[in-house]
């Protein structure tokens, strides 16, 4: 967890530094489908880099976590990433790095089976961490970095 916090802080510092040095090269991308009450952007485009906020397995039709346990949530999480990218005219092929957070590291093998349905070789770089808890009691969260 400490490593995850350090990574998030470093990314935040780097993005803030870049944004201050190049404010005209930073775009905060949100669709009307994003919840305006949440304090983050769907994607921040800084130069040729895309920073995506973490996604969990919320079914956009119901506003609740997807049915089907871990597999259902993992598929919905990756569908949400794909949909968000497409809403901004990007695709899964733009992704170069993923960070995966699992509440049960024993789900890692099952996640890999689903992950390979959304990405193909050469795969993005990736890190995976076991965490104590995630927002809305989700069991998986994925955040991504992309390149144009």
Foldseek 3Di string as FASTA:
>chain_A
DVVVVVVVVVVVVVVVVLCVVCVVQKDQDADPLDDPVDPHGQWIGHHFKIWGDKFWQQDSVVRAHAPDPPLNGLLSRLVVVQVSQVVVPHGPVQWQEKEKEFQDCVCVVVSVVNVCVRDPPVGHHYHYYHDNADPPRTGMMMITMGGD
